[in-house]
Amino acid sequence: MTLPLPMRATGNLLKLAGNITLDAQHLKKSYGRGKQRFDAVRDVSLRISAGEVLAFLGPNGAGKTTTIKMIGGLVRPDAGQVRIDGLDPHQQSMALKRVGAVLEGNRNLYWRLTPLENIEYFGGLRQVPRQVARQRGEQLLEQFGLSDKRKTPVQKLSRGMQQKLAIAVALVHQPTLLLLDEPTLGLDVEASETVKTLVRDIAAAGCGILLTTHQLDVAEELSDRVAIIRQGQIIAEQPTHELIRQFSGSAYHIDCGQPIDIERAKKIMVLGGTVSDNQVHFPGDALYELLDIVRPLPIREIRQDRADLTDVFLSLMRDVESEQS
């Protein structure tokens, strides 16, 4: 798939891959006055490189929406700064032309308009000439598998098609940063997989993506890095695979094709393992020594204990709560 994004569309921009698309530093925002004053965002810094997907996660009320609004130029921070491709969205309007947004699902669509009419309309709002918006719209609809629905009112499209169109609309002005909120929420399995493929392709084309979702399996699958916010502060930010590795155990589960005899079981227990019928649980690192003991019994499965992003998220939330109590 060839997306009409800046990294694809202009040859001399290909070298931008890896450059910093978003650089938000020490953002702070408070609301209210006096005793009613509360800190929505206390000190948040985020960076996204071109072509990178950053999953921005946190419980409701953690400060995600306020942070995103500051990044998108909708709310002015009390302190800190935002740069999108080096431009300040609160001072330089050109910065906002670098941003695309799909917030709150597919609500950035007019349901009585057709997909092509939506793309043309929102392209116009982004100062894209009508003829250019139509050309890009036709290309996007083809790439997103919506060409045969180009003249169908949005309200008659499936939820998955509406979501794909919402993303297409956000890309018509060729942004370098895409703010993506709950891209697969409420979709069936097939539509969800299609949207996830589109997200990967958009990132591969060089667009940086800030992904927010409560579907942590989706965040784990799509993200390069994870930033977790709680009570207005970032409590963890690391590459996704590294964060999961830190919370994963080193134990192994081995499923043999037949019950393990007493002699082998004794040797396994000497190494620190436990045996139950044809199952072995081994907490140590001497896996090959264990396999020598088990040989030549058939082995159905060897599985290492591995956390997922949900485990990591819940563990971090518990740790913070324990520190505060």
C-alpha atoms as a PDB file:
ATOM      1  CA  MET A   1       0.000   0.000   0.000  1.00  0.00           C
ATOM      2  CA  THR A   2       1.345   3.462  -0.940  1.00  0.00           C
ATOM      3  CA  LEU A   3      -0.146   6.163   1.225  1.00  0.00           C
ATOM      4  CA  PRO A   4      -0.251   9.822   0.097  1.00  0.00           C
ATOM      5  CA  LEU A   5       1.783  11.024   3.069  1.00  0.00           C
ATOM      6  CA  PRO A   6       4.663  13.513   3.004  1.00  0.00           C
ATOM      7  CA  MET A   7       7.325  10.826   3.436  1.00  0.00           C
ATOM      8  CA  ARG A   8       6.052   9.081   0.314  1.00  0.00           C
ATOM      9  CA  ALA A   9       4.859  12.012  -1.707  1.00  0.00           C
ATOM     10  CA  THR A  10       8.062  14.047  -1.851  1.00  0.00           C
ATOM     11  CA  GLY A  11      11.318  12.271  -2.492  1.00  0.00           C
ATOM     12  CA  ASN A  12      13.519  14.765  -0.654  1.00  0.00           C
ATOM     13  CA  LEU A  13      11.481  14.249   2.512  1.00  0.00           C
ATOM     14  CA  LEU A  14      12.256  10.548   2.783  1.00  0.00           C
ATOM     15  CA  LYS A  15      15.335  11.420   4.823  1.00  0.00           C
ATOM     16  CA  LEU A  16      13.040  12.785   7.571  1.00  0.00           C
ATOM     17  CA  ALA A  17      12.293   9.261   8.774  1.00  0.00           C
ATOM     18  CA  GLY A  18      13.604   9.041  12.320  1.00  0.00           C
ATOM     19  CA  ASN A  19      13.481  12.828  12.904  1.00  0.00           C
ATOM     20  CA  ILE A  20      11.492  14.161  15.830  1.00  0.00           C
ATOM     21  CA  THR A  21       7.896  14.784  14.763  1.00  0.00           C
ATOM     22  CA  LEU A  22       6.542  15.644  18.219  1.00  0.00           C
ATOM     23  CA  ASP A  23       8.578  17.142  21.034  1.00  0.00           C
ATOM     24  CA  ALA A  24       6.474  18.091  24.056  1.00  0.00           C
ATOM     25  CA  GLN A  25       8.462  19.117  27.111  1.00  0.00           C
ATOM     26  CA  HIS A  26       7.384  19.640  30.736  1.00  0.00           C
ATOM     27  CA  LEU A  27       3.729  20.347  30.007  1.00  0.00           C
ATOM     28  CA  LYS A  28       1.608  21.554  32.910  1.00  0.00           C
ATOM     29  CA  LYS A  29      -2.055  22.494  33.090  1.00  0.00           C
ATOM     30  CA  SER A  30      -4.326  23.326  36.034  1.00  0.00           C
ATOM     31  CA  TYR A  31      -8.023  24.119  36.225  1.00  0.00           C
ATOM     32  CA  GLY A  32     -10.133  25.934  38.791  1.00  0.00           C
ATOM     33  CA  ARG A  33      -9.194  28.434  41.472  1.00  0.00           C
ATOM     34  CA  GLY A  34      -8.334  28.405  45.128  1.00  0.00           C
ATOM     35  CA  LYS A  35      -9.364  25.244  46.918  1.00  0.00           C
ATOM     36  CA  GLN A  36     -11.079  24.023  43.737  1.00  0.00           C
ATOM     37  CA  ARG A  37      -7.857  24.184  41.762  1.00  0.00           C
ATOM     38  CA  PHE A  38      -6.443  20.867  40.568  1.00  0.00           C
ATOM     39  CA  ASP A  39      -3.495  19.851  38.423  1.00  0.00           C
ATOM     40  CA  ALA A  40      -4.727  17.982  35.349  1.00  0.00           C
ATOM     41  CA  VAL A  41      -1.220  17.648  33.904  1.00  0.00           C
ATOM     42  CA  ARG A  42       1.740  18.083  36.230  1.00  0.00           C
ATOM     43  CA  ASP A  43       4.887  17.545  34.193  1.00  0.00           C
ATOM     44  CA  VAL A  44       4.530  15.581  30.964  1.00  0.00           C
ATOM     45  CA  SER A  45       7.198  15.204  28.308  1.00  0.00           C
ATOM     46  CA  LEU A  46       6.651  13.133  25.159  1.00  0.00           C
ATOM     47  CA  ARG A  47       8.670  12.608  22.011  1.00  0.00           C
ATOM     48  CA  ILE A  48       7.651  10.833  18.823  1.00  0.00           C
ATOM     49  CA  SER A  49       9.931  10.225  15.868  1.00  0.00           C
ATOM     50  CA  ALA A  50       8.770  10.046  12.269  1.00  0.00           C
ATOM     51  CA  GLY A  51       7.297   6.601  11.634  1.00  0.00           C
ATOM     52  CA  GLU A  52       7.001   5.754  15.339  1.00  0.00           C
ATOM     53  CA  VAL A  53       3.861   4.691  17.224  1.00  0.00           C
ATOM     54  CA  LEU A  54       3.724   5.828  20.856  1.00  0.00           C
ATOM     55  CA  ALA A  55       0.923   4.314  22.949  1.00  0.00           C
ATOM     56  CA  PHE A  56      -0.173   6.935  25.489  1.00  0.00           C
ATOM     57  CA  LEU A  57      -1.991   5.015  28.212  1.00  0.00           C
ATOM     58  CA  GLY A  58      -3.633   5.765  31.526  1.00  0.00           C
ATOM     59  CA  PRO A  59      -6.845   5.422  33.534  1.00  0.00           C
ATOM     60  CA  ASN A  60      -9.748   7.814  33.047  1.00  0.00           C
ATOM     61  CA  GLY A  61      -8.938  11.223  34.475  1.00  0.00           C
ATOM     62  CA  ALA A  62      -5.184  10.671  34.306  1.00  0.00           C
ATOM     63  CA  GLY A  63      -4.544  13.682  32.056  1.00  0.00           C
ATOM     64  CA  LYS A  64      -4.425  12.059  28.600  1.00  0.00           C
ATOM     65  CA  THR A  65      -7.099  14.233  26.994  1.00  0.00           C
ATOM     66  CA  THR A  66      -5.686  17.482  28.385  1.00  0.00           C
ATOM     67  CA  THR A  67      -2.222  16.521  27.165  1.00  0.00           C
ATOM     68  CA  ILE A  68      -3.529  15.711  23.696  1.00  0.00           C
ATOM     69  CA  LYS A  69      -5.424  19.005  23.540  1.00  0.00           C
ATOM     70  CA  MET A  70      -2.237  20.884  24.433  1.00  0.00           C
ATOM     71  CA  ILE A  71      -0.346  18.996  21.725  1.00  0.00           C
ATOM     72  CA  GLY A  72      -3.092  19.706  19.195  1.00  0.00           C
ATOM     73  CA  GLY A  73      -3.176  23.432  19.978  1.00  0.00           C
ATOM     74  CA  LEU A  74      -6.660  23.325  21.544  1.00  0.00           C
ATOM     75  CA  VAL A  75      -5.561  24.100  25.116  1.00  0.00           C
ATOM     76  CA  ARG A  76      -2.659  26.371  26.006  1.00  0.00           C
ATOM     77  CA  PRO A  77      -0.311  24.872  28.613  1.00  0.00           C
ATOM     78  CA  ASP A  78       0.401  26.793  31.817  1.00  0.00           C
ATOM     79  CA  ALA A  79       4.035  25.796  31.419  1.00  0.00           C
ATOM     80  CA  GLY A  80       6.160  23.783  29.022  1.00  0.00           C
ATOM     81  CA  GLN A  81       6.271  23.789  25.258  1.00  0.00           C
ATOM     82  CA  VAL A  82       5.116  21.780  22.249  1.00  0.00           C
ATOM     83  CA  ARG A  83       6.959  21.475  18.961  1.00  0.00           C
ATOM     84  CA  ILE A  84       5.586  19.673  15.909  1.00  0.00           C
ATOM     85  CA  ASP A  85       8.292  19.376  13.286  1.00  0.00           C
ATOM     86  CA  GLY A  86       9.980  22.193  15.184  1.00  0.00           C
ATOM     87  CA  LEU A  87       6.914  24.467  15.083  1.00  0.00           C
ATOM     88  CA  ASP A  88       4.845  25.702  18.035  1.00  0.00           C
ATOM     89  CA  PRO A  89       1.121  24.940  17.507  1.00  0.00           C
ATOM     90  CA  HIS A  90       0.217  27.717  19.963  1.00  0.00           C
ATOM     91  CA  GLN A  91       2.207  30.365  18.097  1.00  0.00           C
ATOM     92  CA  GLN A  92       2.589  29.138  14.517  1.00  0.00           C
ATOM     93  CA  SER A  93      -0.516  28.061  12.606  1.00  0.00           C
ATOM     94  CA  MET A  94       1.627  26.090  10.179  1.00  0.00           C
ATOM     95  CA  ALA A  95       2.236  23.583  12.983  1.00  0.00           C
ATOM     96  CA  LEU A  96      -1.445  22.636  13.029  1.00  0.00           C
ATOM     97  CA  LYS A  97      -1.271  21.703   9.340  1.00  0.00           C
ATOM     98  CA  ARG A  98       1.174  18.973  10.350  1.00  0.00           C
ATOM     99  CA  VAL A  99      -1.400  17.312  12.640  1.00  0.00           C
ATOM    100  CA  GLY A 100      -4.201  14.894  11.817  1.00  0.00           C
ATOM    101  CA  ALA A 101      -6.634  13.676  14.450  1.00  0.00           C
ATOM    102  CA  VAL A 102      -9.128  10.857  14.846  1.00  0.00           C
ATOM    103  CA  LEU A 103     -10.601  11.523  18.256  1.00  0.00           C
ATOM    104  CA  GLU A 104     -13.504   9.747  19.936  1.00  0.00           C
ATOM    105  CA  GLY A 105     -13.855   7.132  17.245  1.00  0.00           C
ATOM    106  CA  ASN A 106     -15.573   8.237  14.028  1.00  0.00           C
ATOM    107  CA  ARG A 107     -17.180  11.451  15.267  1.00  0.00           C
ATOM    108  CA  ASN A 108     -15.142  13.630  12.920  1.00  0.00           C
ATOM    109  CA  LEU A 109     -17.498  12.734  10.057  1.00  0.00           C
ATOM    110  CA  TYR A 110     -20.698  14.232   8.663  1.00  0.00           C
ATOM    111  CA  TRP A 111     -23.009  11.269   8.371  1.00  0.00           C
ATOM    112  CA  ARG A 112     -25.240  12.703   5.638  1.00  0.00           C
ATOM    113  CA  LEU A 113     -22.279  13.343   3.346  1.00  0.00           C
ATOM    114  CA  THR A 114     -20.592  10.678   1.257  1.00  0.00           C
ATOM    115  CA  PRO A 115     -17.014   9.534   1.980  1.00  0.00           C
ATOM    116  CA  LEU A 116     -15.619  11.625  -0.868  1.00  0.00           C
ATOM    117  CA  GLU A 117     -17.633  14.674   0.189  1.00  0.00           C
ATOM    118  CA  ASN A 118     -16.305  14.305   3.743  1.00  0.00           C
ATOM    119  CA  ILE A 119     -12.710  14.163   2.525  1.00  0.00           C
ATOM    120  CA  GLU A 120     -13.212  17.198   0.269  1.00  0.00           C
ATOM    121  CA  TYR A 121     -14.903  19.185   3.030  1.00  0.00           C
ATOM    122  CA  PHE A 122     -12.300  18.502   5.714  1.00  0.00           C
ATOM    123  CA  GLY A 123      -9.544  18.985   3.183  1.00  0.00           C
ATOM    124  CA  GLY A 124     -10.935  22.463   2.555  1.00  0.00           C
ATOM    125  CA  LEU A 125     -10.824  23.207   6.277  1.00  0.00           C
ATOM    126  CA  ARG A 126      -7.125  22.322   6.130  1.00  0.00           C
ATOM    127  CA  GLN A 127      -6.584  24.680   3.171  1.00  0.00           C
ATOM    128  CA  VAL A 128      -6.200  21.845   0.695  1.00  0.00           C
ATOM    129  CA  PRO A 129      -7.432  23.022  -2.747  1.00  0.00           C
ATOM    130  CA  ARG A 130     -10.650  21.269  -3.717  1.00  0.00           C
ATOM    131  CA  GLN A 131      -9.204  19.591  -6.793  1.00  0.00           C
ATOM    132  CA  VAL A 132      -6.226  18.314  -4.773  1.00  0.00           C
ATOM    133  CA  ALA A 133      -8.510  17.126  -1.967  1.00  0.00           C
ATOM    134  CA  ARG A 134     -10.661  15.232  -4.476  1.00  0.00           C
ATOM    135  CA  GLN A 135      -7.601  13.611  -6.062  1.00  0.00           C
ATOM    136  CA  ARG A 136      -6.210  12.584  -2.682  1.00  0.00           C
ATOM    137  CA  GLY A 137      -9.664  11.467  -1.583  1.00  0.00           C
ATOM    138  CA  GLU A 138     -10.022   9.125  -4.537  1.00  0.00           C
ATOM    139  CA  GLN A 139      -6.578   7.707  -3.796  1.00  0.00           C
ATOM    140  CA  LEU A 140      -7.283   7.270  -0.080  1.00  0.00           C
ATOM    141  CA  LEU A 141     -10.639   5.617  -0.700  1.00  0.00           C
ATOM    142  CA  GLU A 142      -9.013   3.172  -3.084  1.00  0.00           C
ATOM    143  CA  GLN A 143      -6.206   2.394  -0.657  1.00  0.00           C
ATOM    144  CA  PHE A 144      -8.616   1.966   2.253  1.00  0.00           C
ATOM    145  CA  GLY A 145     -10.942  -0.291   0.250  1.00  0.00           C
ATOM    146  CA  LEU A 146     -13.783   2.226   0.149  1.00  0.00           C
ATOM    147  CA  SER A 147     -13.926   3.157  -3.538  1.00  0.00           C
ATOM    148  CA  ASP A 148     -17.187   1.313  -4.088  1.00  0.00           C
ATOM    149  CA  LYS A 149     -18.720   3.313  -1.206  1.00  0.00           C
ATOM    150  CA  ARG A 150     -17.508   6.709  -2.387  1.00  0.00           C
ATOM    151  CA  LYS A 151     -21.069   7.953  -3.067  1.00  0.00           C
ATOM    152  CA  THR A 152     -22.805   6.188  -0.163  1.00  0.00           C
ATOM    153  CA  PRO A 153     -23.895   8.377   2.777  1.00  0.00           C
ATOM    154  CA  VAL A 154     -21.678   7.724   5.785  1.00  0.00           C
ATOM    155  CA  GLN A 155     -24.653   6.808   7.956  1.00  0.00           C
ATOM    156  CA  LYS A 156     -25.210   3.746   5.759  1.00  0.00           C
ATOM    157  CA  LEU A 157     -21.646   2.446   6.147  1.00  0.00           C
ATOM    158  CA  SER A 158     -20.615  -0.196   8.649  1.00  0.00           C
ATOM    159  CA  ARG A 159     -18.796   0.849  11.811  1.00  0.00           C
ATOM    160  CA  GLY A 160     -15.529  -0.486  10.419  1.00  0.00           C
ATOM    161  CA  MET A 161     -15.924   1.457   7.180  1.00  0.00           C
ATOM    162  CA  GLN A 162     -16.713   4.620   9.119  1.00  0.00           C
ATOM    163  CA  GLN A 163     -13.566   4.166  11.163  1.00  0.00           C
ATOM    164  CA  LYS A 164     -11.441   3.692   8.059  1.00  0.00           C
ATOM    165  CA  LEU A 165     -13.000   6.803   6.545  1.00  0.00           C
ATOM    166  CA  ALA A 166     -12.308   8.811   9.708  1.00  0.00           C
ATOM    167  CA  ILE A 167      -8.628   7.929   9.360  1.00  0.00           C
ATOM    168  CA  ALA A 168      -8.672   8.778   5.649  1.00  0.00           C
ATOM    169  CA  VAL A 169     -10.192  12.188   6.443  1.00  0.00           C
ATOM    170  CA  ALA A 170      -7.415  12.821   8.965  1.00  0.00           C
ATOM    171  CA  LEU A 171      -4.791  12.122   6.284  1.00  0.00           C
ATOM    172  CA  VAL A 172      -6.106  14.285   3.456  1.00  0.00           C
ATOM    173  CA  HIS A 173      -3.776  17.199   4.275  1.00  0.00           C
ATOM    174  CA  GLN A 174      -0.781  14.845   4.599  1.00  0.00           C
ATOM    175  CA  PRO A 175       0.061  15.310   8.306  1.00  0.00           C
ATOM    176  CA  THR A 176       3.333  14.203   9.847  1.00  0.00           C
ATOM    177  CA  LEU A 177       1.699  13.559  13.239  1.00  0.00           C
ATOM    178  CA  LEU A 178      -1.529  11.576  13.690  1.00  0.00           C
ATOM    179  CA  LEU A 179      -3.452  11.682  16.981  1.00  0.00           C
ATOM    180  CA  LEU A 180      -5.370   8.420  17.067  1.00  0.00           C
ATOM    181  CA  ASP A 181      -7.942   7.696  19.772  1.00  0.00           C
ATOM    182  CA  GLU A 182      -9.463   4.210  20.203  1.00  0.00           C
ATOM    183  CA  PRO A 183      -9.063   3.195  16.538  1.00  0.00           C
ATOM    184  CA  THR A 184     -10.550  -0.305  16.987  1.00  0.00           C
ATOM    185  CA  LEU A 185     -13.140   0.291  19.708  1.00  0.00           C
ATOM    186  CA  GLY A 186     -16.437  -1.431  18.911  1.00  0.00           C
ATOM    187  CA  LEU A 187     -15.188  -3.092  15.729  1.00  0.00           C
ATOM    188  CA  ASP A 188     -15.551  -6.753  14.901  1.00  0.00           C
ATOM    189  CA  VAL A 189     -12.438  -8.894  14.543  1.00  0.00           C
ATOM    190  CA  GLU A 190     -12.104  -8.495  10.776  1.00  0.00           C
ATOM    191  CA  ALA A 191     -12.618  -4.721  10.796  1.00  0.00           C
ATOM    192  CA  SER A 192     -10.257  -4.372  13.755  1.00  0.00           C
ATOM    193  CA  GLU A 193      -7.486  -6.224  11.928  1.00  0.00           C
ATOM    194  CA  THR A 194      -8.021  -4.066   8.848  1.00  0.00           C
ATOM    195  CA  VAL A 195      -7.706  -0.848  10.848  1.00  0.00           C
ATOM    196  CA  LYS A 196      -4.589  -2.122  12.624  1.00  0.00           C
ATOM    197  CA  THR A 197      -3.014  -2.875   9.251  1.00  0.00           C
ATOM    198  CA  LEU A 198      -3.798   0.670   8.131  1.00  0.00           C
ATOM    199  CA  VAL A 199      -2.165   2.099  11.258  1.00  0.00           C
ATOM    200  CA  ARG A 200       0.995   0.081  10.590  1.00  0.00           C
ATOM    201  CA  ASP A 201       1.065   1.246   6.969  1.00  0.00           C
ATOM    202  CA  ILE A 202       0.615   4.886   7.978  1.00  0.00           C
ATOM    203  CA  ALA A 203       3.548   4.633  10.398  1.00  0.00           C
ATOM    204  CA  ALA A 204       5.632   2.817   7.781  1.00  0.00           C
ATOM    205  CA  ALA A 205       4.997   5.739   5.424  1.00  0.00           C
ATOM    206  CA  GLY A 206       6.749   8.016   7.931  1.00  0.00           C
ATOM    207  CA  CYS A 207       3.909   9.507   9.971  1.00  0.00           C
ATOM    208  CA  GLY A 208       4.393   9.655  13.737  1.00  0.00           C
ATOM    209  CA  ILE A 209       1.371   8.354  15.664  1.00  0.00           C
ATOM    210  CA  LEU A 210       0.203   9.137  19.186  1.00  0.00           C
ATOM    211  CA  LEU A 211      -2.151   6.270  20.024  1.00  0.00           C
ATOM    212  CA  THR A 212      -4.533   6.359  22.971  1.00  0.00           C
ATOM    213  CA  THR A 213      -6.652   3.328  23.811  1.00  0.00           C
ATOM    214  CA  HIS A 214      -8.017   1.304  26.708  1.00  0.00           C
ATOM    215  CA  GLN A 215      -7.583  -1.845  24.608  1.00  0.00           C
ATOM    216  CA  LEU A 216      -4.138  -2.726  25.880  1.00  0.00           C
ATOM    217  CA  ASP A 217      -3.741  -5.696  23.545  1.00  0.00           C
ATOM    218  CA  VAL A 218      -4.111  -3.291  20.624  1.00  0.00           C
ATOM    219  CA  ALA A 219      -1.561  -0.918  22.164  1.00  0.00           C
ATOM    220  CA  GLU A 220       0.870  -3.806  22.660  1.00  0.00           C
ATOM    221  CA  GLU A 221       0.463  -4.976  19.090  1.00  0.00           C
ATOM    222  CA  LEU A 222       0.824  -1.579  17.400  1.00  0.00           C
ATOM    223  CA  SER A 223       3.192   0.479  19.534  1.00  0.00           C
ATOM    224  CA  ASP A 224       6.946   0.922  19.384  1.00  0.00           C
ATOM    225  CA  ARG A 225       7.000   2.657  22.763  1.00  0.00           C
ATOM    226  CA  VAL A 226       4.620   3.070  25.673  1.00  0.00           C
ATOM    227  CA  ALA A 227       4.090   6.070  27.949  1.00  0.00           C
ATOM    228  CA  ILE A 228       1.816   5.552  30.962  1.00  0.00           C
ATOM    229  CA  ILE A 229       0.301   8.541  32.740  1.00  0.00           C
ATOM    230  CA  ARG A 230      -1.333   8.638  36.153  1.00  0.00           C
ATOM    231  CA  GLN A 231      -2.605  11.698  38.014  1.00  0.00           C
ATOM    232  CA  GLY A 232      -1.024  13.993  35.467  1.00  0.00           C
ATOM    233  CA  GLN A 233       2.457  12.486  35.558  1.00  0.00           C
ATOM    234  CA  ILE A 234       4.297   9.969  33.387  1.00  0.00           C
ATOM    235  CA  ILE A 235       5.091   6.946  35.553  1.00  0.00           C
ATOM    236  CA  ALA A 236       6.690   4.788  32.840  1.00  0.00           C
ATOM    237  CA  GLU A 237       8.012   5.334  29.336  1.00  0.00           C
ATOM    238  CA  GLN A 238       9.998   2.684  27.497  1.00  0.00           C
ATOM    239  CA  PRO A 239      10.063   0.650  24.310  1.00  0.00           C
ATOM    240  CA  THR A 240       7.077  -1.695  24.458  1.00  0.00           C
ATOM    241  CA  HIS A 241       9.060  -4.936  24.256  1.00  0.00           C
ATOM    242  CA  GLU A 242      11.509  -3.778  26.928  1.00  0.00           C
ATOM    243  CA  LEU A 243       8.768  -2.767  29.361  1.00  0.00           C
ATOM    244  CA  ILE A 244       7.062  -6.152  28.945  1.00  0.00           C
ATOM    245  CA  ARG A 245      10.367  -7.982  29.335  1.00  0.00           C
ATOM    246  CA  GLN A 246      10.997  -6.295  32.689  1.00  0.00           C
ATOM    247  CA  PHE A 247       7.697  -7.587  34.037  1.00  0.00           C
ATOM    248  CA  SER A 248       8.014 -11.072  32.575  1.00  0.00           C
ATOM    249  CA  GLY A 249       9.205 -14.027  34.617  1.00  0.00           C
ATOM    250  CA  SER A 250      12.002 -16.466  33.846  1.00  0.00           C
ATOM    251  CA  ALA A 251      10.079 -19.673  34.589  1.00  0.00           C
ATOM    252  CA  TYR A 252       9.281 -22.293  31.946  1.00  0.00           C
ATOM    253  CA  HIS A 253       6.328 -24.640  31.528  1.00  0.00           C
ATOM    254  CA  ILE A 254       6.969 -27.868  29.646  1.00  0.00           C
ATOM    255  CA  ASP A 255       4.167 -30.116  28.460  1.00  0.00           C
ATOM    256  CA  CYS A 256       5.382 -33.655  27.736  1.00  0.00           C
ATOM    257  CA  GLY A 257       3.462 -36.105  25.641  1.00  0.00           C
ATOM    258  CA  GLN A 258       3.360 -38.702  28.437  1.00  0.00           C
ATOM    259  CA  PRO A 259       3.625 -38.861  32.240  1.00  0.00           C
ATOM    260  CA  ILE A 260       7.112 -38.244  33.626  1.00  0.00           C
ATOM    261  CA  ASP A 261       8.645 -41.237  35.438  1.00  0.00           C
ATOM    262  CA  ILE A 262       9.862 -41.067  39.057  1.00  0.00           C
ATOM    263  CA  GLU A 263      13.585 -41.047  38.226  1.00  0.00           C
ATOM    264  CA  ARG A 264      13.295 -38.102  35.882  1.00  0.00           C
ATOM    265  CA  ALA A 265      10.985 -36.319  38.318  1.00  0.00           C
ATOM    266  CA  LYS A 266      13.616 -36.607  41.077  1.00  0.00           C
ATOM    267  CA  LYS A 267      16.314 -35.108  38.846  1.00  0.00           C
ATOM    268  CA  ILE A 268      13.992 -32.289  37.845  1.00  0.00           C
ATOM    269  CA  MET A 269      13.232 -31.508  41.492  1.00  0.00           C
ATOM    270  CA  VAL A 270      16.970 -31.385  42.271  1.00  0.00           C
ATOM    271  CA  LEU A 271      17.221 -28.574  39.692  1.00  0.00           C
ATOM    272  CA  GLY A 272      14.367 -26.766  41.447  1.00  0.00           C
ATOM    273  CA  GLY A 273      11.533 -27.790  39.159  1.00  0.00           C
ATOM    274  CA  THR A 274       8.190 -29.329  39.994  1.00  0.00           C
ATOM    275  CA  VAL A 275       6.401 -32.174  38.212  1.00  0.00           C
ATOM    276  CA  SER A 276       2.716 -32.960  37.900  1.00  0.00           C
ATOM    277  CA  ASP A 277       1.853 -35.888  35.659  1.00  0.00           C
ATOM    278  CA  ASN A 278       3.184 -34.764  32.249  1.00  0.00           C
ATOM    279  CA  GLN A 279       3.690 -31.106  33.235  1.00  0.00           C
ATOM    280  CA  VAL A 280       6.962 -29.521  34.367  1.00  0.00           C
ATOM    281  CA  HIS A 281       7.295 -26.088  35.928  1.00  0.00           C
ATOM    282  CA  PHE A 282      10.894 -24.909  36.014  1.00  0.00           C
ATOM    283  CA  PRO A 283      11.830 -21.526  37.547  1.00  0.00           C
ATOM    284  CA  GLY A 284      15.563 -21.632  36.743  1.00  0.00           C
ATOM    285  CA  ASP A 285      17.820 -20.746  33.819  1.00  0.00           C
ATOM    286  CA  ALA A 286      19.293 -24.213  33.162  1.00  0.00           C
ATOM    287  CA  LEU A 287      16.723 -25.054  30.507  1.00  0.00           C
ATOM    288  CA  TYR A 288      19.035 -27.189  28.381  1.00  0.00           C
ATOM    289  CA  GLU A 289      20.049 -29.267  31.412  1.00  0.00           C
ATOM    290  CA  LEU A 290      16.370 -29.832  32.107  1.00  0.00           C
ATOM    291  CA  LEU A 291      15.739 -30.853  28.501  1.00  0.00           C
ATOM    292  CA  ASP A 292      18.565 -33.404  28.744  1.00  0.00           C
ATOM    293  CA  ILE A 293      16.727 -34.991  31.677  1.00  0.00           C
ATOM    294  CA  VAL A 294      13.408 -35.066  29.829  1.00  0.00           C
ATOM    295  CA  ARG A 295      14.877 -36.465  26.589  1.00  0.00           C
ATOM    296  CA  PRO A 296      13.694 -38.619  24.786  1.00  0.00           C
ATOM    297  CA  LEU A 297      10.141 -38.021  26.010  1.00  0.00           C
ATOM    298  CA  PRO A 298       8.008 -36.202  23.439  1.00  0.00           C
ATOM    299  CA  ILE A 299       7.514 -32.480  24.154  1.00  0.00           C
ATOM    300  CA  ARG A 300       4.270 -30.844  23.117  1.00  0.00           C
ATOM    301  CA  GLU A 301       5.074 -27.332  24.250  1.00  0.00           C
ATOM    302  CA  ILE A 302       7.732 -25.201  25.955  1.00  0.00           C
ATOM    303  CA  ARG A 303       6.332 -21.909  27.212  1.00  0.00           C
ATOM    304  CA  GLN A 304       8.100 -19.155  29.108  1.00  0.00           C
ATOM    305  CA  ASP A 305       6.212 -16.991  31.564  1.00  0.00           C
ATOM    306  CA  ARG A 306       5.578 -13.713  29.772  1.00  0.00           C
ATOM    307  CA  ALA A 307       3.697 -10.676  30.907  1.00  0.00           C
ATOM    308  CA  ASP A 308       1.510  -8.693  28.560  1.00  0.00           C
ATOM    309  CA  LEU A 309       0.831  -4.967  28.537  1.00  0.00           C
ATOM    310  CA  THR A 310      -2.257  -5.442  30.685  1.00  0.00           C
ATOM    311  CA  ASP A 311      -0.136  -7.126  33.385  1.00  0.00           C
ATOM    312  CA  VAL A 312       2.390  -4.290  33.205  1.00  0.00           C
ATOM    313  CA  PHE A 313      -0.278  -1.585  33.365  1.00  0.00           C
ATOM    314  CA  LEU A 314      -2.082  -3.080  36.361  1.00  0.00           C
ATOM    315  CA  SER A 315       1.189  -3.727  38.188  1.00  0.00           C
ATOM    316  CA  LEU A 316       2.299  -0.122  37.747  1.00  0.00           C
ATOM    317  CA  MET A 317      -1.073   1.160  38.943  1.00  0.00           C
ATOM    318  CA  ARG A 318      -0.821  -1.024  42.074  1.00  0.00           C
ATOM    319  CA  ASP A 319       2.745   0.129  42.727  1.00  0.00           C
ATOM    320  CA  VAL A 320       1.738   3.793  42.596  1.00  0.00           C
ATOM    321  CA  GLU A 321      -1.230   3.198  44.874  1.00  0.00           C
ATOM    322  CA  SER A 322       0.999   1.376  47.366  1.00  0.00           C
ATOM    323  CA  GLU A 323       3.483   4.252  47.412  1.00  0.00           C
ATOM    324  CA  GLN A 324       0.704   6.742  48.100  1.00  0.00           C
ATOM    325  CA  SER A 325      -0.967   4.746  50.878  1.00  0.00           C
END
